[in-house]
């Protein structure tokens, strides 16, 4: 008897491999959660310093493919609705592309991506291959996250005060 069973295709396996790769390279103690409702947020990472939960966090949109591009960047197709949602959150968003053949991921902060045309449903993001996730300087990233989150908080407070 040939029973019909669900297939765990290569794309799902790469998705799992990309998440494991990402989580295994986070600094010790940092938190990493998968939101129950996924509206473009695959992971939420909390920064922990000297065992203190800092309140600084960032969101991750995680993509994966089998083979690398033959250029200085990897490409990711991102829905305009996902971009608009992520860029509008208080938390900083990071786009990460995992390449299974390289056993490496590449990253870009979403705020460093040029804003797309609002007439498109999706657009292509270039993720620099020089931004290797395995060599990311976590202290530098943590400082940058604190600055960006602080700017967003202050802007929100000014807007609320002026309203």
C-alpha atoms as a PDB file:
ATOM      1  CA  UNK A   1       0.000   0.000   0.000  1.00  0.00           C
ATOM      2  CA  UNK A   2       1.359   3.411  -1.004  1.00  0.00           C
ATOM      3  CA  UNK A   3       0.049   5.872   1.543  1.00  0.00           C
ATOM      4  CA  UNK A   4      -0.025   9.546   0.616  1.00  0.00           C
ATOM      5  CA  UNK A   5       2.020  11.486   3.156  1.00  0.00           C
ATOM      6  CA  UNK A   6       2.919  15.159   3.487  1.00  0.00           C
ATOM      7  CA  UNK A   7       6.148  16.192   1.828  1.00  0.00           C
ATOM      8  CA  UNK A   8       8.814  18.148   3.668  1.00  0.00           C
ATOM      9  CA  UNK A   9      10.248  19.864   0.627  1.00  0.00           C
ATOM     10  CA  UNK A  10      13.667  21.458   0.265  1.00  0.00           C
ATOM     11  CA  UNK A  11      12.299  24.958   0.862  1.00  0.00           C
ATOM     12  CA  UNK A  12      10.955  24.007   4.306  1.00  0.00           C
ATOM     13  CA  UNK A  13      14.196  22.284   5.185  1.00  0.00           C
ATOM     14  CA  UNK A  14      16.188  25.382   4.174  1.00  0.00           C
ATOM     15  CA  UNK A  15      13.841  27.533   6.255  1.00  0.00           C
ATOM     16  CA  UNK A  16      14.582  25.403   9.323  1.00  0.00           C
ATOM     17  CA  UNK A  17      18.330  25.384   8.572  1.00  0.00           C
ATOM     18  CA  UNK A  18      18.340  29.174   8.197  1.00  0.00           C
ATOM     19  CA  UNK A  19      16.628  29.693  11.551  1.00  0.00           C
ATOM     20  CA  UNK A  20      19.018  27.291  13.310  1.00  0.00           C
ATOM     21  CA  UNK A  21      22.017  29.001  11.679  1.00  0.00           C
ATOM     22  CA  UNK A  22      20.758  32.390  12.842  1.00  0.00           C
ATOM     23  CA  UNK A  23      19.985  31.339  16.424  1.00  0.00           C
ATOM     24  CA  UNK A  24      23.278  29.490  16.905  1.00  0.00           C
ATOM     25  CA  UNK A  25      25.262  32.627  16.066  1.00  0.00           C
ATOM     26  CA  UNK A  26      23.528  35.005  18.440  1.00  0.00           C
ATOM     27  CA  UNK A  27      25.531  36.099  21.481  1.00  0.00           C
ATOM     28  CA  UNK A  28      24.989  33.935  24.571  1.00  0.00           C
ATOM     29  CA  UNK A  29      22.013  35.033  26.642  1.00  0.00           C
ATOM     30  CA  UNK A  30      20.241  36.945  23.883  1.00  0.00           C
ATOM     31  CA  UNK A  31      16.638  35.920  23.393  1.00  0.00           C
ATOM     32  CA  UNK A  32      15.128  34.802  20.109  1.00  0.00           C
ATOM     33  CA  UNK A  33      11.417  34.192  19.712  1.00  0.00           C
ATOM     34  CA  UNK A  34       9.244  33.222  16.780  1.00  0.00           C
ATOM     35  CA  UNK A  35       6.019  35.287  16.802  1.00  0.00           C
ATOM     36  CA  UNK A  36       2.807  33.268  16.705  1.00  0.00           C
ATOM     37  CA  UNK A  37       1.294  35.508  14.039  1.00  0.00           C
ATOM     38  CA  UNK A  38       3.757  36.096  11.209  1.00  0.00           C
ATOM     39  CA  UNK A  39       3.148  39.343   9.343  1.00  0.00           C
ATOM     40  CA  UNK A  40       6.674  39.657   8.033  1.00  0.00           C
ATOM     41  CA  UNK A  41       8.383  39.059  11.365  1.00  0.00           C
ATOM     42  CA  UNK A  42      10.066  35.688  11.428  1.00  0.00           C
ATOM     43  CA  UNK A  43      12.060  36.283  14.624  1.00  0.00           C
ATOM     44  CA  UNK A  44      12.235  38.832  17.430  1.00  0.00           C
ATOM     45  CA  UNK A  45      15.668  39.113  19.048  1.00  0.00           C
ATOM     46  CA  UNK A  46      16.179  40.652  22.480  1.00  0.00           C
ATOM     47  CA  UNK A  47      19.544  42.127  23.444  1.00  0.00           C
ATOM     48  CA  UNK A  48      20.934  40.955  26.789  1.00  0.00           C
ATOM     49  CA  UNK A  49      24.065  42.544  28.233  1.00  0.00           C
ATOM     50  CA  UNK A  50      25.796  41.206  31.362  1.00  0.00           C
ATOM     51  CA  UNK A  51      22.651  39.139  32.054  1.00  0.00           C
ATOM     52  CA  UNK A  52      20.486  42.292  31.950  1.00  0.00           C
ATOM     53  CA  UNK A  53      17.557  42.342  29.536  1.00  0.00           C
ATOM     54  CA  UNK A  54      18.099  45.770  27.964  1.00  0.00           C
ATOM     55  CA  UNK A  55      14.743  46.396  26.293  1.00  0.00           C
ATOM     56  CA  UNK A  56      16.574  46.797  22.991  1.00  0.00           C
ATOM     57  CA  UNK A  57      15.385  44.373  20.369  1.00  0.00           C
ATOM     58  CA  UNK A  58      15.215  43.878  16.629  1.00  0.00           C
ATOM     59  CA  UNK A  59      12.971  42.077  14.183  1.00  0.00           C
ATOM     60  CA  UNK A  60      14.186  39.642  11.563  1.00  0.00           C
ATOM     61  CA  UNK A  61      12.765  38.793   8.161  1.00  0.00           C
ATOM     62  CA  UNK A  62      14.580  35.575   7.251  1.00  0.00           C
ATOM     63  CA  UNK A  63      14.882  34.226   3.700  1.00  0.00           C
ATOM     64  CA  UNK A  64      16.765  31.220   2.381  1.00  0.00           C
ATOM     65  CA  UNK A  65      17.955  29.756  -0.885  1.00  0.00           C
ATOM     66  CA  UNK A  66      20.130  26.848  -1.917  1.00  0.00           C
ATOM     67  CA  UNK A  67      22.753  28.568  -4.068  1.00  0.00           C
ATOM     68  CA  UNK A  68      24.502  31.924  -3.937  1.00  0.00           C
ATOM     69  CA  UNK A  69      24.270  34.586  -6.588  1.00  0.00           C
ATOM     70  CA  UNK A  70      27.353  35.188  -8.701  1.00  0.00           C
ATOM     71  CA  UNK A  71      27.484  38.840  -7.682  1.00  0.00           C
ATOM     72  CA  UNK A  72      28.583  40.937  -4.697  1.00  0.00           C
ATOM     73  CA  UNK A  73      25.088  40.741  -3.248  1.00  0.00           C
ATOM     74  CA  UNK A  74      22.231  38.350  -2.632  1.00  0.00           C
ATOM     75  CA  UNK A  75      18.737  39.307  -3.698  1.00  0.00           C
ATOM     76  CA  UNK A  76      15.533  39.058  -1.723  1.00  0.00           C
ATOM     77  CA  UNK A  77      12.067  39.716  -3.066  1.00  0.00           C
ATOM     78  CA  UNK A  78      10.097  41.557  -0.416  1.00  0.00           C
ATOM     79  CA  UNK A  79       6.405  42.427  -0.483  1.00  0.00           C
ATOM     80  CA  UNK A  80       5.713  46.147  -0.257  1.00  0.00           C
ATOM     81  CA  UNK A  81       3.208  45.442   2.533  1.00  0.00           C
ATOM     82  CA  UNK A  82       5.910  43.628   4.548  1.00  0.00           C
ATOM     83  CA  UNK A  83       8.387  46.488   4.024  1.00  0.00           C
ATOM     84  CA  UNK A  84       5.801  49.106   5.021  1.00  0.00           C
ATOM     85  CA  UNK A  85       4.877  47.149   8.151  1.00  0.00           C
ATOM     86  CA  UNK A  86       8.475  46.525   9.245  1.00  0.00           C
ATOM     87  CA  UNK A  87       9.775  50.025   8.530  1.00  0.00           C
ATOM     88  CA  UNK A  88       6.910  51.463  10.592  1.00  0.00           C
ATOM     89  CA  UNK A  89       7.590  49.465  13.754  1.00  0.00           C
ATOM     90  CA  UNK A  90       9.435  50.879  16.747  1.00  0.00           C
ATOM     91  CA  UNK A  91      11.859  47.980  16.642  1.00  0.00           C
ATOM     92  CA  UNK A  92      14.641  47.963  14.093  1.00  0.00           C
ATOM     93  CA  UNK A  93      14.246  45.373  11.330  1.00  0.00           C
ATOM     94  CA  UNK A  94      16.972  43.228   9.803  1.00  0.00           C
ATOM     95  CA  UNK A  95      16.672  41.307   6.554  1.00  0.00           C
ATOM     96  CA  UNK A  96      18.734  38.107   6.515  1.00  0.00           C
ATOM     97  CA  UNK A  97      19.354  35.809   3.537  1.00  0.00           C
ATOM     98  CA  UNK A  98      20.701  32.333   4.303  1.00  0.00           C
ATOM     99  CA  UNK A  99      22.518  30.439   1.528  1.00  0.00           C
ATOM    100  CA  UNK A 100      22.548  26.699   2.198  1.00  0.00           C
ATOM    101  CA  UNK A 101      25.455  25.926  -0.164  1.00  0.00           C
ATOM    102  CA  UNK A 102      27.623  28.559   1.588  1.00  0.00           C
ATOM    103  CA  UNK A 103      26.496  27.652   5.102  1.00  0.00           C
ATOM    104  CA  UNK A 104      26.378  31.422   5.551  1.00  0.00           C
ATOM    105  CA  UNK A 105      23.842  34.197   5.843  1.00  0.00           C
ATOM    106  CA  UNK A 106      24.055  37.810   4.748  1.00  0.00           C
ATOM    107  CA  UNK A 107      22.230  40.737   6.321  1.00  0.00           C
ATOM    108  CA  UNK A 108      21.100  44.314   5.831  1.00  0.00           C
ATOM    109  CA  UNK A 109      19.226  46.663   8.127  1.00  0.00           C
ATOM    110  CA  UNK A 110      15.891  47.472   6.520  1.00  0.00           C
ATOM    111  CA  UNK A 111      16.364  51.198   7.185  1.00  0.00           C
ATOM    112  CA  UNK A 112      19.410  51.035   4.854  1.00  0.00           C
ATOM    113  CA  UNK A 113      17.274  49.733   1.975  1.00  0.00           C
ATOM    114  CA  UNK A 114      16.175  52.470  -0.445  1.00  0.00           C
ATOM    115  CA  UNK A 115      12.410  53.025  -0.143  1.00  0.00           C
ATOM    116  CA  UNK A 116      10.546  51.231  -2.931  1.00  0.00           C
ATOM    117  CA  UNK A 117       7.977  52.733  -5.255  1.00  0.00           C
ATOM    118  CA  UNK A 118       4.537  52.619  -3.634  1.00  0.00           C
ATOM    119  CA  UNK A 119       3.043  51.457  -6.939  1.00  0.00           C
ATOM    120  CA  UNK A 120       4.705  48.040  -6.715  1.00  0.00           C
ATOM    121  CA  UNK A 121       3.394  44.966  -4.905  1.00  0.00           C
ATOM    122  CA  UNK A 122       6.932  43.668  -4.304  1.00  0.00           C
ATOM    123  CA  UNK A 123      10.503  44.730  -4.956  1.00  0.00           C
ATOM    124  CA  UNK A 124      14.034  43.346  -4.918  1.00  0.00           C
ATOM    125  CA  UNK A 125      16.445  44.097  -2.098  1.00  0.00           C
ATOM    126  CA  UNK A 126      20.201  43.708  -2.534  1.00  0.00           C
ATOM    127  CA  UNK A 127      21.878  42.213   0.517  1.00  0.00           C
ATOM    128  CA  UNK A 128      25.660  42.804   0.413  1.00  0.00           C
ATOM    129  CA  UNK A 129      27.686  39.587   0.562  1.00  0.00           C
ATOM    130  CA  UNK A 130      30.293  41.495   2.587  1.00  0.00           C
ATOM    131  CA  UNK A 131      27.734  41.558   5.448  1.00  0.00           C
ATOM    132  CA  UNK A 132      28.459  38.009   6.569  1.00  0.00           C
ATOM    133  CA  UNK A 133      26.303  37.027   9.500  1.00  0.00           C
ATOM    134  CA  UNK A 134      28.986  34.735  10.909  1.00  0.00           C
ATOM    135  CA  UNK A 135      31.364  37.701  11.340  1.00  0.00           C
ATOM    136  CA  UNK A 136      28.841  40.294  12.527  1.00  0.00           C
ATOM    137  CA  UNK A 137      30.229  42.645  15.189  1.00  0.00           C
ATOM    138  CA  UNK A 138      27.540  42.287  17.856  1.00  0.00           C
ATOM    139  CA  UNK A 139      28.770  45.162  20.025  1.00  0.00           C
ATOM    140  CA  UNK A 140      28.660  47.520  17.055  1.00  0.00           C
ATOM    141  CA  UNK A 141      25.195  46.262  16.111  1.00  0.00           C
ATOM    142  CA  UNK A 142      23.993  46.659  19.701  1.00  0.00           C
ATOM    143  CA  UNK A 143      25.185  50.280  19.764  1.00  0.00           C
ATOM    144  CA  UNK A 144      23.487  50.983  16.437  1.00  0.00           C
ATOM    145  CA  UNK A 145      20.238  49.389  17.598  1.00  0.00           C
ATOM    146  CA  UNK A 146      20.232  51.539  20.736  1.00  0.00           C
ATOM    147  CA  UNK A 147      20.745  54.716  18.699  1.00  0.00           C
ATOM    148  CA  UNK A 148      18.051  53.904  16.134  1.00  0.00           C
ATOM    149  CA  UNK A 149      15.530  52.784  18.740  1.00  0.00           C
ATOM    150  CA  UNK A 150      16.254  55.937  20.775  1.00  0.00           C
ATOM    151  CA  UNK A 151      15.677  58.147  17.727  1.00  0.00           C
ATOM    152  CA  UNK A 152      12.369  56.407  17.025  1.00  0.00           C
ATOM    153  CA  UNK A 153      11.261  56.755  20.649  1.00  0.00           C
ATOM    154  CA  UNK A 154      12.119  60.452  20.763  1.00  0.00           C
ATOM    155  CA  UNK A 155      10.364  61.097  17.450  1.00  0.00           C
ATOM    156  CA  UNK A 156       7.250  59.323  18.726  1.00  0.00           C
ATOM    157  CA  UNK A 157       7.282  61.335  21.947  1.00  0.00           C
ATOM    158  CA  UNK A 158       7.671  64.615  20.009  1.00  0.00           C
ATOM    159  CA  UNK A 159       4.806  63.661  17.710  1.00  0.00           C
ATOM    160  CA  UNK A 160       2.576  62.763  20.672  1.00  0.00           C
ATOM    161  CA  UNK A 161       3.494  65.987  22.469  1.00  0.00           C
ATOM    162  CA  UNK A 162       2.801  68.116  19.364  1.00  0.00           C
ATOM    163  CA  UNK A 163      -0.537  66.437  18.618  1.00  0.00           C
END
